[in-house]
Amino acid sequence: MREFNELQSMEAIEHFITANKLAFLYISQPNCSVCHGLLPQVQTLMEQFPQIQLGHIDAHEVEAVAGRFSIFTVPVLLLFVEGKEFIREARIVHMDLLEEKLKKVYHHMAE
């Protein structure tokens, strides 16, 4: 399973997005059972996409993240390509659909 970088400030989050061509954010909260159940599945899925950089944000710790990314629930999964949001999944994530979306973006970027 791939590990996520813990991002603990808005400055770190913005830098992570701009510094990486493919940046994936997993936004969760400590008291969210869906978040805790989904994270290992996402970590396993991301093994297929080694060039995507992984960042985790605790929305309880970095409260400004909700306003910055218009988040109303957790978990939220965001993929940024060259600083632009390409994929957004929230709350109930269908892993097979997420995998399809990631493959399309990933293989297009690899060309």
PDB file of N, CA and C in Angstrom:
ATOM      1  N   MET A   1       0.841  -1.201   0.000  1.00  0.00           N
ATOM      2  CA  MET A   1       0.000   0.000   0.000  1.00  0.00           C
ATOM      3  C   MET A   1       0.875   1.249   0.000  1.00  0.00           C
ATOM      4  N   ARG A   2       0.471   2.222  -0.781  1.00  0.00           N
ATOM      5  CA  ARG A   2       1.212   3.485  -0.820  1.00  0.00           C
ATOM      6  C   ARG A   2       0.797   4.366   0.353  1.00  0.00           C
ATOM      7  N   GLU A   3       1.763   5.086   0.864  1.00  0.00           N
ATOM      8  CA  GLU A   3       1.506   5.992   1.982  1.00  0.00           C
ATOM      9  C   GLU A   3       1.227   7.405   1.468  1.00  0.00           C
ATOM     10  N   PHE A   4       0.436   8.128   2.232  1.00  0.00           N
ATOM     11  CA  PHE A   4       0.093   9.513   1.913  1.00  0.00           C
ATOM     12  C   PHE A   4       0.979  10.463   2.696  1.00  0.00           C
ATOM     13  N   ASN A   5       1.351  11.587   2.077  1.00  0.00           N
ATOM     14  CA  ASN A   5       2.039  12.665   2.779  1.00  0.00           C
ATOM     15  C   ASN A   5       1.012  13.424   3.597  1.00  0.00           C
ATOM     16  N   GLU A   6       1.296  13.650   4.861  1.00  0.00           N
ATOM     17  CA  GLU A   6       0.389  14.431   5.701  1.00  0.00           C
ATOM     18  C   GLU A   6       0.607  15.915   5.425  1.00  0.00           C
ATOM     19  N   LEU A   7      -0.452  16.599   5.010  1.00  0.00           N
ATOM     20  CA  LEU A   7      -0.390  18.036   4.724  1.00  0.00           C
ATOM     21  C   LEU A   7      -1.136  18.759   5.833  1.00  0.00           C
ATOM     22  N   GLN A   8      -0.427  19.618   6.581  1.00  0.00           N
ATOM     23  CA  GLN A   8      -1.005  20.164   7.804  1.00  0.00           C
ATOM     24  C   GLN A   8      -1.225  21.668   7.790  1.00  0.00           C
ATOM     25  N   SER A   9      -1.131  22.269   6.604  1.00  0.00           N
ATOM     26  CA  SER A   9      -1.433  23.706   6.498  1.00  0.00           C
ATOM     27  C   SER A   9      -1.875  24.003   5.072  1.00  0.00           C
ATOM     28  N   MET A  10      -2.553  25.119   4.899  1.00  0.00           N
ATOM     29  CA  MET A  10      -2.990  25.514   3.558  1.00  0.00           C
ATOM     30  C   MET A  10      -1.772  25.793   2.671  1.00  0.00           C
ATOM     31  N   GLU A  11      -0.701  26.337   3.252  1.00  0.00           N
ATOM     32  CA  GLU A  11       0.505  26.600   2.476  1.00  0.00           C
ATOM     33  C   GLU A  11       1.093  25.292   1.949  1.00  0.00           C
ATOM     34  N   ALA A  12       1.136  24.279   2.803  1.00  0.00           N
ATOM     35  CA  ALA A  12       1.663  22.970   2.391  1.00  0.00           C
ATOM     36  C   ALA A  12       0.784  22.349   1.303  1.00  0.00           C
ATOM     37  N   ILE A  13      -0.523  22.514   1.433  1.00  0.00           N
ATOM     38  CA  ILE A  13      -1.466  21.961   0.452  1.00  0.00           C
ATOM     39  C   ILE A  13      -1.275  22.638  -0.905  1.00  0.00           C
ATOM     40  N   GLU A  14      -1.218  23.970  -0.911  1.00  0.00           N
ATOM     41  CA  GLU A  14      -1.060  24.719  -2.162  1.00  0.00           C
ATOM     42  C   GLU A  14       0.272  24.365  -2.827  1.00  0.00           C
ATOM     43  N   HIS A  15       1.321  24.252  -2.016  1.00  0.00           N
ATOM     44  CA  HIS A  15       2.636  23.884  -2.559  1.00  0.00           C
ATOM     45  C   HIS A  15       2.600  22.486  -3.164  1.00  0.00           C
ATOM     46  N   PHE A  16       1.950  21.558  -2.485  1.00  0.00           N
ATOM     47  CA  PHE A  16       1.839  20.175  -2.951  1.00  0.00           C
ATOM     48  C   PHE A  16       1.155  20.116  -4.316  1.00  0.00           C
ATOM     49  N   ILE A  17       0.078  20.885  -4.464  1.00  0.00           N
ATOM     50  CA  ILE A  17      -0.673  20.897  -5.732  1.00  0.00           C
ATOM     51  C   ILE A  17       0.160  21.493  -6.861  1.00  0.00           C
ATOM     52  N   THR A  18       0.837  22.603  -6.589  1.00  0.00           N
ATOM     53  CA  THR A  18       1.592  23.276  -7.649  1.00  0.00           C
ATOM     54  C   THR A  18       2.917  22.583  -7.960  1.00  0.00           C
ATOM     55  N   ALA A  19       3.510  21.911  -6.981  1.00  0.00           N
ATOM     56  CA  ALA A  19       4.823  21.284  -7.172  1.00  0.00           C
ATOM     57  C   ALA A  19       4.746  19.933  -7.888  1.00  0.00           C
ATOM     58  N   ASN A  20       3.565  19.332  -7.925  1.00  0.00           N
ATOM     59  CA  ASN A  20       3.422  18.001  -8.515  1.00  0.00           C
ATOM     60  C   ASN A  20       2.494  18.043  -9.725  1.00  0.00           C
ATOM     61  N   LYS A  21       2.952  17.461 -10.833  1.00  0.00           N
ATOM     62  CA  LYS A  21       2.149  17.405 -12.058  1.00  0.00           C
ATOM     63  C   LYS A  21       0.833  16.678 -11.795  1.00  0.00           C
ATOM     64  N   LEU A  22       0.900  15.566 -11.068  1.00  0.00           N
ATOM     65  CA  LEU A  22      -0.279  14.785 -10.687  1.00  0.00           C
ATOM     66  C   LEU A  22      -0.343  14.742  -9.166  1.00  0.00           C
ATOM     67  N   ALA A  23      -1.296  15.456  -8.587  1.00  0.00           N
ATOM     68  CA  ALA A  23      -1.421  15.552  -7.128  1.00  0.00           C
ATOM     69  C   ALA A  23      -2.801  15.064  -6.704  1.00  0.00           C
ATOM     70  N   PHE A  24      -2.821  14.101  -5.804  1.00  0.00           N
ATOM     71  CA  PHE A  24      -4.064  13.509  -5.319  1.00  0.00           C
ATOM     72  C   PHE A  24      -4.224  13.844  -3.844  1.00  0.00           C
ATOM     73  N   LEU A  25      -5.374  14.406  -3.485  1.00  0.00           N
ATOM     74  CA  LEU A  25      -5.651  14.751  -2.092  1.00  0.00           C
ATOM     75  C   LEU A  25      -6.765  13.876  -1.549  1.00  0.00           C
ATOM     76  N   TYR A  26      -6.541  13.357  -0.351  1.00  0.00           N
ATOM     77  CA  TYR A  26      -7.558  12.583   0.367  1.00  0.00           C
ATOM     78  C   TYR A  26      -7.886  13.394   1.609  1.00  0.00           C
ATOM     79  N   ILE A  27      -9.102  13.927   1.662  1.00  0.00           N
ATOM     80  CA  ILE A  27      -9.506  14.803   2.751  1.00  0.00           C
ATOM     81  C   ILE A  27     -10.490  14.052   3.634  1.00  0.00           C
ATOM     82  N   SER A  28     -10.168  13.966   4.920  1.00  0.00           N
ATOM     83  CA  SER A  28     -10.988  13.189   5.844  1.00  0.00           C
ATOM     84  C   SER A  28     -11.048  13.873   7.203  1.00  0.00           C
ATOM     85  N   GLN A  29     -11.771  13.243   8.126  1.00  0.00           N
ATOM     86  CA  GLN A  29     -11.825  13.688   9.515  1.00  0.00           C
ATOM     87  C   GLN A  29     -11.647  12.467  10.413  1.00  0.00           C
ATOM     88  N   PRO A  30     -11.112  12.678  11.613  1.00  0.00           N
ATOM     89  CA  PRO A  30     -10.821  11.553  12.506  1.00  0.00           C
ATOM     90  C   PRO A  30     -12.053  10.739  12.912  1.00  0.00           C
ATOM     91  N   ASN A  31     -13.214  11.379  13.040  1.00  0.00           N
ATOM     92  CA  ASN A  31     -14.409  10.677  13.520  1.00  0.00           C
ATOM     93  C   ASN A  31     -15.269  10.114  12.389  1.00  0.00           C
ATOM     94  N   CYS A  32     -14.709   9.952  11.195  1.00  0.00           N
ATOM     95  CA  CYS A  32     -15.462   9.514  10.008  1.00  0.00           C
ATOM     96  C   CYS A  32     -15.143   8.050   9.704  1.00  0.00           C
ATOM     97  N   SER A  33     -16.109   7.171   9.951  1.00  0.00           N
ATOM     98  CA  SER A  33     -15.878   5.740   9.712  1.00  0.00           C
ATOM     99  C   SER A  33     -15.724   5.429   8.227  1.00  0.00           C
ATOM    100  N   VAL A  34     -16.460   6.145   7.371  1.00  0.00           N
ATOM    101  CA  VAL A  34     -16.324   5.945   5.924  1.00  0.00           C
ATOM    102  C   VAL A  34     -14.901   6.298   5.487  1.00  0.00           C
ATOM    103  N   CYS A  35     -14.362   7.389   6.027  1.00  0.00           N
ATOM    104  CA  CYS A  35     -12.998   7.824   5.698  1.00  0.00           C
ATOM    105  C   CYS A  35     -11.982   6.739   6.033  1.00  0.00           C
ATOM    106  N   HIS A  36     -12.109   6.180   7.236  1.00  0.00           N
ATOM    107  CA  HIS A  36     -11.149   5.169   7.692  1.00  0.00           C
ATOM    108  C   HIS A  36     -11.275   3.878   6.898  1.00  0.00           C
ATOM    109  N   GLY A  37     -12.477   3.520   6.480  1.00  0.00           N
ATOM    110  CA  GLY A  37     -12.685   2.313   5.697  1.00  0.00           C
ATOM    111  C   GLY A  37     -12.217   2.442   4.260  1.00  0.00           C
ATOM    112  N   LEU A  38     -12.334   3.639   3.700  1.00  0.00           N
ATOM    113  CA  LEU A  38     -11.989   3.875   2.307  1.00  0.00           C
ATOM    114  C   LEU A  38     -10.485   4.053   2.086  1.00  0.00           C
ATOM    115  N   LEU A  39      -9.796   4.618   3.049  1.00  0.00           N
ATOM    116  CA  LEU A  39      -8.375   4.943   2.877  1.00  0.00           C
ATOM    117  C   LEU A  39      -7.523   3.751   2.434  1.00  0.00           C
ATOM    118  N   PRO A  40      -7.607   2.582   3.076  1.00  0.00           N
ATOM    119  CA  PRO A  40      -6.772   1.456   2.617  1.00  0.00           C
ATOM    120  C   PRO A  40      -7.095   1.014   1.188  1.00  0.00           C
ATOM    121  N   GLN A  41      -8.354   1.127   0.791  1.00  0.00           N
ATOM    122  CA  GLN A  41      -8.731   0.785  -0.584  1.00  0.00           C
ATOM    123  C   GLN A  41      -8.079   1.746  -1.575  1.00  0.00           C
ATOM    124  N   VAL A  42      -8.058   3.033  -1.223  1.00  0.00           N
ATOM    125  CA  VAL A  42      -7.446   4.037  -2.091  1.00  0.00           C
ATOM    126  C   VAL A  42      -5.934   3.825  -2.139  1.00  0.00           C
ATOM    127  N   GLN A  43      -5.324   3.520  -0.999  1.00  0.00           N
ATOM    128  CA  GLN A  43      -3.884   3.262  -0.965  1.00  0.00           C
ATOM    129  C   GLN A  43      -3.518   2.101  -1.884  1.00  0.00           C
ATOM    130  N   THR A  44      -4.301   1.049  -1.857  1.00  0.00           N
ATOM    131  CA  THR A  44      -4.055  -0.111  -2.710  1.00  0.00           C
ATOM    132  C   THR A  44      -4.251   0.254  -4.180  1.00  0.00           C
ATOM    133  N   LEU A  45      -5.321   0.971  -4.499  1.00  0.00           N
ATOM    134  CA  LEU A  45      -5.593   1.393  -5.871  1.00  0.00           C
ATOM    135  C   LEU A  45      -4.441   2.235  -6.420  1.00  0.00           C
ATOM    136  N   MET A  46      -3.894   3.106  -5.601  1.00  0.00           N
ATOM    137  CA  MET A  46      -2.863   4.039  -6.056  1.00  0.00           C
ATOM    138  C   MET A  46      -1.542   3.354  -6.396  1.00  0.00           C
ATOM    139  N   GLU A  47      -1.390   2.088  -6.046  1.00  0.00           N
ATOM    140  CA  GLU A  47      -0.187   1.351  -6.450  1.00  0.00           C
ATOM    141  C   GLU A  47      -0.091   1.255  -7.966  1.00  0.00           C
ATOM    142  N   GLN A  48      -1.233   1.341  -8.656  1.00  0.00           N
ATOM    143  CA  GLN A  48      -1.255   1.296 -10.121  1.00  0.00           C
ATOM    144  C   GLN A  48      -0.772   2.602 -10.756  1.00  0.00           C
ATOM    145  N   PHE A  49      -0.693   3.661  -9.951  1.00  0.00           N
ATOM    146  CA  PHE A  49      -0.402   4.993 -10.479  1.00  0.00           C
ATOM    147  C   PHE A  49       0.775   5.619  -9.722  1.00  0.00           C
ATOM    148  N   PRO A  50       1.978   5.084  -9.928  1.00  0.00           N
ATOM    149  CA  PRO A  50       3.122   5.539  -9.127  1.00  0.00           C
ATOM    150  C   PRO A  50       3.515   7.003  -9.336  1.00  0.00           C
ATOM    151  N   GLN A  51       3.145   7.595 -10.470  1.00  0.00           N
ATOM    152  CA  GLN A  51       3.517   8.991 -10.713  1.00  0.00           C
ATOM    153  C   GLN A  51       2.578   9.987 -10.035  1.00  0.00           C
ATOM    154  N   ILE A  52       1.458   9.517  -9.510  1.00  0.00           N
ATOM    155  CA  ILE A  52       0.538  10.402  -8.798  1.00  0.00           C
ATOM    156  C   ILE A  52       1.048  10.555  -7.356  1.00  0.00           C
ATOM    157  N   GLN A  53       1.272  11.798  -6.951  1.00  0.00           N
ATOM    158  CA  GLN A  53       1.721  12.082  -5.589  1.00  0.00           C
ATOM    159  C   GLN A  53       0.504  12.139  -4.667  1.00  0.00           C
ATOM    160  N   LEU A  54       0.638  11.569  -3.476  1.00  0.00           N
ATOM    161  CA  LEU A  54      -0.499  11.406  -2.570  1.00  0.00           C
ATOM    162  C   LEU A  54      -0.376  12.307  -1.349  1.00  0.00           C
ATOM    163  N   GLY A  55      -1.443  13.051  -1.082  1.00  0.00           N
ATOM    164  CA  GLY A  55      -1.489  13.912   0.092  1.00  0.00           C
ATOM    165  C   GLY A  55      -2.749  13.648   0.898  1.00  0.00           C
ATOM    166  N   HIS A  56      -2.619  13.639   2.213  1.00  0.00           N
ATOM    167  CA  HIS A  56      -3.766  13.450   3.110  1.00  0.00           C
ATOM    168  C   HIS A  56      -3.945  14.703   3.945  1.00  0.00           C
ATOM    169  N   ILE A  57      -5.193  15.115   4.092  1.00  0.00           N
ATOM    170  CA  ILE A  57      -5.519  16.304   4.877  1.00  0.00           C
ATOM    171  C   ILE A  57      -6.588  15.942   5.892  1.00  0.00           C
ATOM    172  N   ASP A  58      -6.336  16.263   7.148  1.00  0.00           N
ATOM    173  CA  ASP A  58      -7.330  16.129   8.208  1.00  0.00           C
ATOM    174  C   ASP A  58      -8.112  17.444   8.231  1.00  0.00           C
ATOM    175  N   ALA A  59      -9.357  17.405   7.768  1.00  0.00           N
ATOM    176  CA  ALA A  59     -10.165  18.622   7.656  1.00  0.00           C
ATOM    177  C   ALA A  59     -10.475  19.235   9.020  1.00  0.00           C
ATOM    178  N   HIS A  60     -10.369  18.443  10.064  1.00  0.00           N
ATOM    179  CA  HIS A  60     -10.565  18.961  11.417  1.00  0.00           C
ATOM    180  C   HIS A  60      -9.355  19.800  11.834  1.00  0.00           C
ATOM    181  N   GLU A  61      -8.185  19.393  11.382  1.00  0.00           N
ATOM    182  CA  GLU A  61      -6.938  20.082  11.711  1.00  0.00           C
ATOM    183  C   GLU A  61      -6.716  21.312  10.826  1.00  0.00           C
ATOM    184  N   VAL A  62      -7.025  21.190   9.532  1.00  0.00           N
ATOM    185  CA  VAL A  62      -6.853  22.293   8.579  1.00  0.00           C
ATOM    186  C   VAL A  62      -8.253  22.728   8.141  1.00  0.00           C
ATOM    187  N   GLU A  63      -8.905  23.507   8.973  1.00  0.00           N
ATOM    188  CA  GLU A  63     -10.301  23.870   8.751  1.00  0.00           C
ATOM    189  C   GLU A  63     -10.520  24.673   7.469  1.00  0.00           C
ATOM    190  N   ALA A  64      -9.521  25.451   7.055  1.00  0.00           N
ATOM    191  CA  ALA A  64      -9.656  26.292   5.861  1.00  0.00           C
ATOM    192  C   ALA A  64      -9.798  25.470   4.579  1.00  0.00           C
ATOM    193  N   VAL A  65      -9.455  24.194   4.638  1.00  0.00           N
ATOM    194  CA  VAL A  65      -9.542  23.347   3.441  1.00  0.00           C
ATOM    195  C   VAL A  65     -10.988  23.235   2.948  1.00  0.00           C
ATOM    196  N   ALA A  66     -11.947  23.264   3.849  1.00  0.00           N
ATOM    197  CA  ALA A  66     -13.361  23.153   3.467  1.00  0.00           C
ATOM    198  C   ALA A  66     -13.768  24.317   2.559  1.00  0.00           C
ATOM    199  N   GLY A  67     -13.393  25.514   2.921  1.00  0.00           N
ATOM    200  CA  GLY A  67     -13.719  26.675   2.103  1.00  0.00           C
ATOM    201  C   GLY A  67     -12.935  26.716   0.809  1.00  0.00           C
ATOM    202  N   ARG A  68     -11.665  26.372   0.876  1.00  0.00           N
ATOM    203  CA  ARG A  68     -10.790  26.423  -0.313  1.00  0.00           C
ATOM    204  C   ARG A  68     -11.267  25.487  -1.424  1.00  0.00           C
ATOM    205  N   PHE A  69     -11.749  24.295  -1.047  1.00  0.00           N
ATOM    206  CA  PHE A  69     -12.160  23.315  -2.048  1.00  0.00           C
ATOM    207  C   PHE A  69     -13.662  23.052  -2.061  1.00  0.00           C
ATOM    208  N   SER A  70     -14.447  23.919  -1.419  1.00  0.00           N
ATOM    209  CA  SER A  70     -15.913  23.780  -1.365  1.00  0.00           C
ATOM    210  C   SER A  70     -16.327  22.373  -0.928  1.00  0.00           C
ATOM    211  N   ILE A  71     -15.879  21.999   0.247  1.00  0.00           N
ATOM    212  CA  ILE A  71     -16.145  20.663   0.780  1.00  0.00           C
ATOM    213  C   ILE A  71     -17.250  20.748   1.821  1.00  0.00           C
ATOM    214  N   PHE A  72     -18.260  19.892   1.649  1.00  0.00           N
ATOM    215  CA  PHE A  72     -19.396  19.888   2.564  1.00  0.00           C
ATOM    216  C   PHE A  72     -19.532  18.565   3.304  1.00  0.00           C
ATOM    217  N   THR A  73     -18.761  17.568   2.902  1.00  0.00           N
ATOM    218  CA  THR A  73     -18.796  16.259   3.534  1.00  0.00           C
ATOM    219  C   THR A  73     -17.413  15.627   3.381  1.00  0.00           C
ATOM    220  N   VAL A  74     -17.155  14.565   4.100  1.00  0.00           N
ATOM    221  CA  VAL A  74     -15.913  13.810   3.948  1.00  0.00           C
ATOM    222  C   VAL A  74     -16.261  12.335   3.821  1.00  0.00           C
ATOM    223  N   PRO A  75     -15.435  11.541   3.230  1.00  0.00           N
ATOM    224  CA  PRO A  75     -14.166  11.905   2.602  1.00  0.00           C
ATOM    225  C   PRO A  75     -14.367  12.562   1.236  1.00  0.00           C
ATOM    226  N   VAL A  76     -13.364  13.334   0.846  1.00  0.00           N
ATOM    227  CA  VAL A  76     -13.327  13.922  -0.487  1.00  0.00           C
ATOM    228  C   VAL A  76     -11.992  13.540  -1.114  1.00  0.00           C
ATOM    229  N   LEU A  77     -12.054  13.084  -2.354  1.00  0.00           N
ATOM    230  CA  LEU A  77     -10.869  12.686  -3.100  1.00  0.00           C
ATOM    231  C   LEU A  77     -10.747  13.616  -4.287  1.00  0.00           C
ATOM    232  N   LEU A  78      -9.601  14.275  -4.405  1.00  0.00           N
ATOM    233  CA  LEU A  78      -9.381  15.236  -5.481  1.00  0.00           C
ATOM    234  C   LEU A  78      -8.105  14.898  -6.239  1.00  0.00           C
ATOM    235  N   LEU A  79      -8.180  14.910  -7.556  1.00  0.00           N
ATOM    236  CA  LEU A  79      -6.976  14.753  -8.367  1.00  0.00           C
ATOM    237  C   LEU A  79      -6.747  16.045  -9.133  1.00  0.00           C
ATOM    238  N   PHE A  80      -5.533  16.578  -8.985  1.00  0.00           N
ATOM    239  CA  PHE A  80      -5.146  17.784  -9.702  1.00  0.00           C
ATOM    240  C   PHE A  80      -4.109  17.407 -10.751  1.00  0.00           C
ATOM    241  N   VAL A  81      -4.304  17.933 -11.963  1.00  0.00           N
ATOM    242  CA  VAL A  81      -3.352  17.749 -13.046  1.00  0.00           C
ATOM    243  C   VAL A  81      -2.806  19.123 -13.391  1.00  0.00           C
ATOM    244  N   GLU A  82      -1.518  19.292 -13.179  1.00  0.00           N
ATOM    245  CA  GLU A  82      -0.852  20.578 -13.409  1.00  0.00           C
ATOM    246  C   GLU A  82      -1.610  21.723 -12.733  1.00  0.00           C
ATOM    247  N   GLY A  83      -2.051  21.484 -11.495  1.00  0.00           N
ATOM    248  CA  GLY A  83      -2.694  22.513 -10.694  1.00  0.00           C
ATOM    249  C   GLY A  83      -4.185  22.675 -10.894  1.00  0.00           C
ATOM    250  N   LYS A  84      -4.769  21.951 -11.837  1.00  0.00           N
ATOM    251  CA  LYS A  84      -6.207  22.061 -12.109  1.00  0.00           C
ATOM    252  C   LYS A  84      -6.931  20.811 -11.628  1.00  0.00           C
ATOM    253  N   GLU A  85      -8.076  21.017 -10.989  1.00  0.00           N
ATOM    254  CA  GLU A  85      -8.860  19.885 -10.504  1.00  0.00           C
ATOM    255  C   GLU A  85      -9.463  19.123 -11.678  1.00  0.00           C
ATOM    256  N   PHE A  86      -9.195  17.818 -11.725  1.00  0.00           N
ATOM    257  CA  PHE A  86      -9.712  16.966 -12.803  1.00  0.00           C
ATOM    258  C   PHE A  86     -10.738  15.970 -12.303  1.00  0.00           C
ATOM    259  N   ILE A  87     -10.545  15.445 -11.098  1.00  0.00           N
ATOM    260  CA  ILE A  87     -11.449  14.438 -10.551  1.00  0.00           C
ATOM    261  C   ILE A  87     -11.838  14.857  -9.146  1.00  0.00           C
ATOM    262  N   ARG A  88     -13.137  14.700  -8.836  1.00  0.00           N
ATOM    263  CA  ARG A  88     -13.646  14.951  -7.489  1.00  0.00           C
ATOM    264  C   ARG A  88     -14.633  13.844  -7.156  1.00  0.00           C
ATOM    265  N   GLU A  89     -14.370  13.157  -6.057  1.00  0.00           N
ATOM    266  CA  GLU A  89     -15.281  12.144  -5.537  1.00  0.00           C
ATOM    267  C   GLU A  89     -15.521  12.479  -4.072  1.00  0.00           C
ATOM    268  N   ALA A  90     -16.747  12.272  -3.609  1.00  0.00           N
ATOM    269  CA  ALA A  90     -17.063  12.600  -2.218  1.00  0.00           C
ATOM    270  C   ALA A  90     -18.000  11.563  -1.608  1.00  0.00           C
ATOM    271  N   ARG A  91     -17.840  11.384  -0.318  1.00  0.00           N
ATOM    272  CA  ARG A  91     -18.656  10.526   0.557  1.00  0.00           C
ATOM    273  C   ARG A  91     -18.692   9.061   0.125  1.00  0.00           C
ATOM    274  N   ILE A  92     -19.574   8.702  -0.780  1.00  0.00           N
ATOM    275  CA  ILE A  92     -19.665   7.319  -1.248  1.00  0.00           C
ATOM    276  C   ILE A  92     -18.887   7.232  -2.561  1.00  0.00           C
ATOM    277  N   VAL A  93     -17.764   6.543  -2.526  1.00  0.00           N
ATOM    278  CA  VAL A  93     -16.877   6.459  -3.681  1.00  0.00           C
ATOM    279  C   VAL A  93     -16.942   5.045  -4.251  1.00  0.00           C
ATOM    280  N   HIS A  94     -17.293   4.948  -5.517  1.00  0.00           N
ATOM    281  CA  HIS A  94     -17.304   3.666  -6.215  1.00  0.00           C
ATOM    282  C   HIS A  94     -15.897   3.443  -6.759  1.00  0.00           C
ATOM    283  N   MET A  95     -15.189   2.505  -6.158  1.00  0.00           N
ATOM    284  CA  MET A  95     -13.777   2.310  -6.474  1.00  0.00           C
ATOM    285  C   MET A  95     -13.547   1.948  -7.939  1.00  0.00           C
ATOM    286  N   ASP A  96     -14.430   1.155  -8.540  1.00  0.00           N
ATOM    287  CA  ASP A  96     -14.241   0.783  -9.944  1.00  0.00           C
ATOM    288  C   ASP A  96     -14.376   1.993 -10.866  1.00  0.00           C
ATOM    289  N   LEU A  97     -15.303   2.887 -10.564  1.00  0.00           N
ATOM    290  CA  LEU A  97     -15.466   4.102 -11.377  1.00  0.00           C
ATOM    291  C   LEU A  97     -14.291   5.050 -11.174  1.00  0.00           C
ATOM    292  N   LEU A  98     -13.823   5.153  -9.930  1.00  0.00           N
ATOM    293  CA  LEU A  98     -12.660   5.993  -9.646  1.00  0.00           C
ATOM    294  C   LEU A  98     -11.445   5.460 -10.408  1.00  0.00           C
ATOM    295  N   GLU A  99     -11.275   4.148 -10.403  1.00  0.00           N
ATOM    296  CA  GLU A  99     -10.150   3.542 -11.111  1.00  0.00           C
ATOM    297  C   GLU A  99     -10.202   3.861 -12.605  1.00  0.00           C
ATOM    298  N   GLU A 100     -11.380   3.762 -13.213  1.00  0.00           N
ATOM    299  CA  GLU A 100     -11.540   4.087 -14.635  1.00  0.00           C
ATOM    300  C   GLU A 100     -11.149   5.541 -14.916  1.00  0.00           C
ATOM    301  N   LYS A 101     -11.640   6.449 -14.083  1.00  0.00           N
ATOM    302  CA  LYS A 101     -11.329   7.873 -14.272  1.00  0.00           C
ATOM    303  C   LYS A 101      -9.834   8.126 -14.147  1.00  0.00           C
ATOM    304  N   LEU A 102      -9.220   7.510 -13.127  1.00  0.00           N
ATOM    305  CA  LEU A 102      -7.788   7.697 -12.919  1.00  0.00           C
ATOM    306  C   LEU A 102      -6.988   7.153 -14.103  1.00  0.00           C
ATOM    307  N   LYS A 103      -7.383   5.999 -14.613  1.00  0.00           N
ATOM    308  CA  LYS A 103      -6.668   5.406 -15.751  1.00  0.00           C
ATOM    309  C   LYS A 103      -6.719   6.321 -16.964  1.00  0.00           C
ATOM    310  N   LYS A 104      -7.878   6.916 -17.226  1.00  0.00           N
ATOM    311  CA  LYS A 104      -8.014   7.808 -18.383  1.00  0.00           C
ATOM    312  C   LYS A 104      -7.061   8.997 -18.260  1.00  0.00           C
ATOM    313  N   VAL A 105      -7.063   9.640 -17.118  1.00  0.00           N
ATOM    314  CA  VAL A 105      -6.207  10.814 -16.914  1.00  0.00           C
ATOM    315  C   VAL A 105      -4.745  10.395 -16.909  1.00  0.00           C
ATOM    316  N   TYR A 106      -4.441   9.326 -16.211  1.00  0.00           N
ATOM    317  CA  TYR A 106      -3.051   8.884 -16.034  1.00  0.00           C
ATOM    318  C   TYR A 106      -2.425   8.498 -17.370  1.00  0.00           C
ATOM    319  N   HIS A 107      -3.131   7.729 -18.169  1.00  0.00           N
ATOM    320  CA  HIS A 107      -2.576   7.287 -19.447  1.00  0.00           C
ATOM    321  C   HIS A 107      -2.488   8.444 -20.443  1.00  0.00           C
ATOM    322  N   HIS A 108      -3.406   9.377 -20.358  1.00  0.00           N
ATOM    323  CA  HIS A 108      -3.331  10.567 -21.220  1.00  0.00           C
ATOM    324  C   HIS A 108      -2.104  11.395 -20.865  1.00  0.00           C
ATOM    325  N   MET A 109      -1.817  11.526 -19.568  1.00  0.00           N
ATOM    326  CA  MET A 109      -0.673  12.320 -19.114  1.00  0.00           C
ATOM    327  C   MET A 109       0.644  11.615 -19.431  1.00  0.00           C
ATOM    328  N   ALA A 110       0.627  10.290 -19.507  1.00  0.00           N
ATOM    329  CA  ALA A 110       1.847   9.526 -19.761  1.00  0.00           C
ATOM    330  C   ALA A 110       2.245   9.552 -21.237  1.00  0.00           C
ATOM    331  N   GLU A 111       1.331   9.974 -22.106  1.00  0.00           N
ATOM    332  CA  GLU A 111       1.624   9.990 -23.549  1.00  0.00           C
ATOM    333  C   GLU A 111       2.600  11.090 -23.908  1.00  0.00           C
TER     334      GLU A 111
END
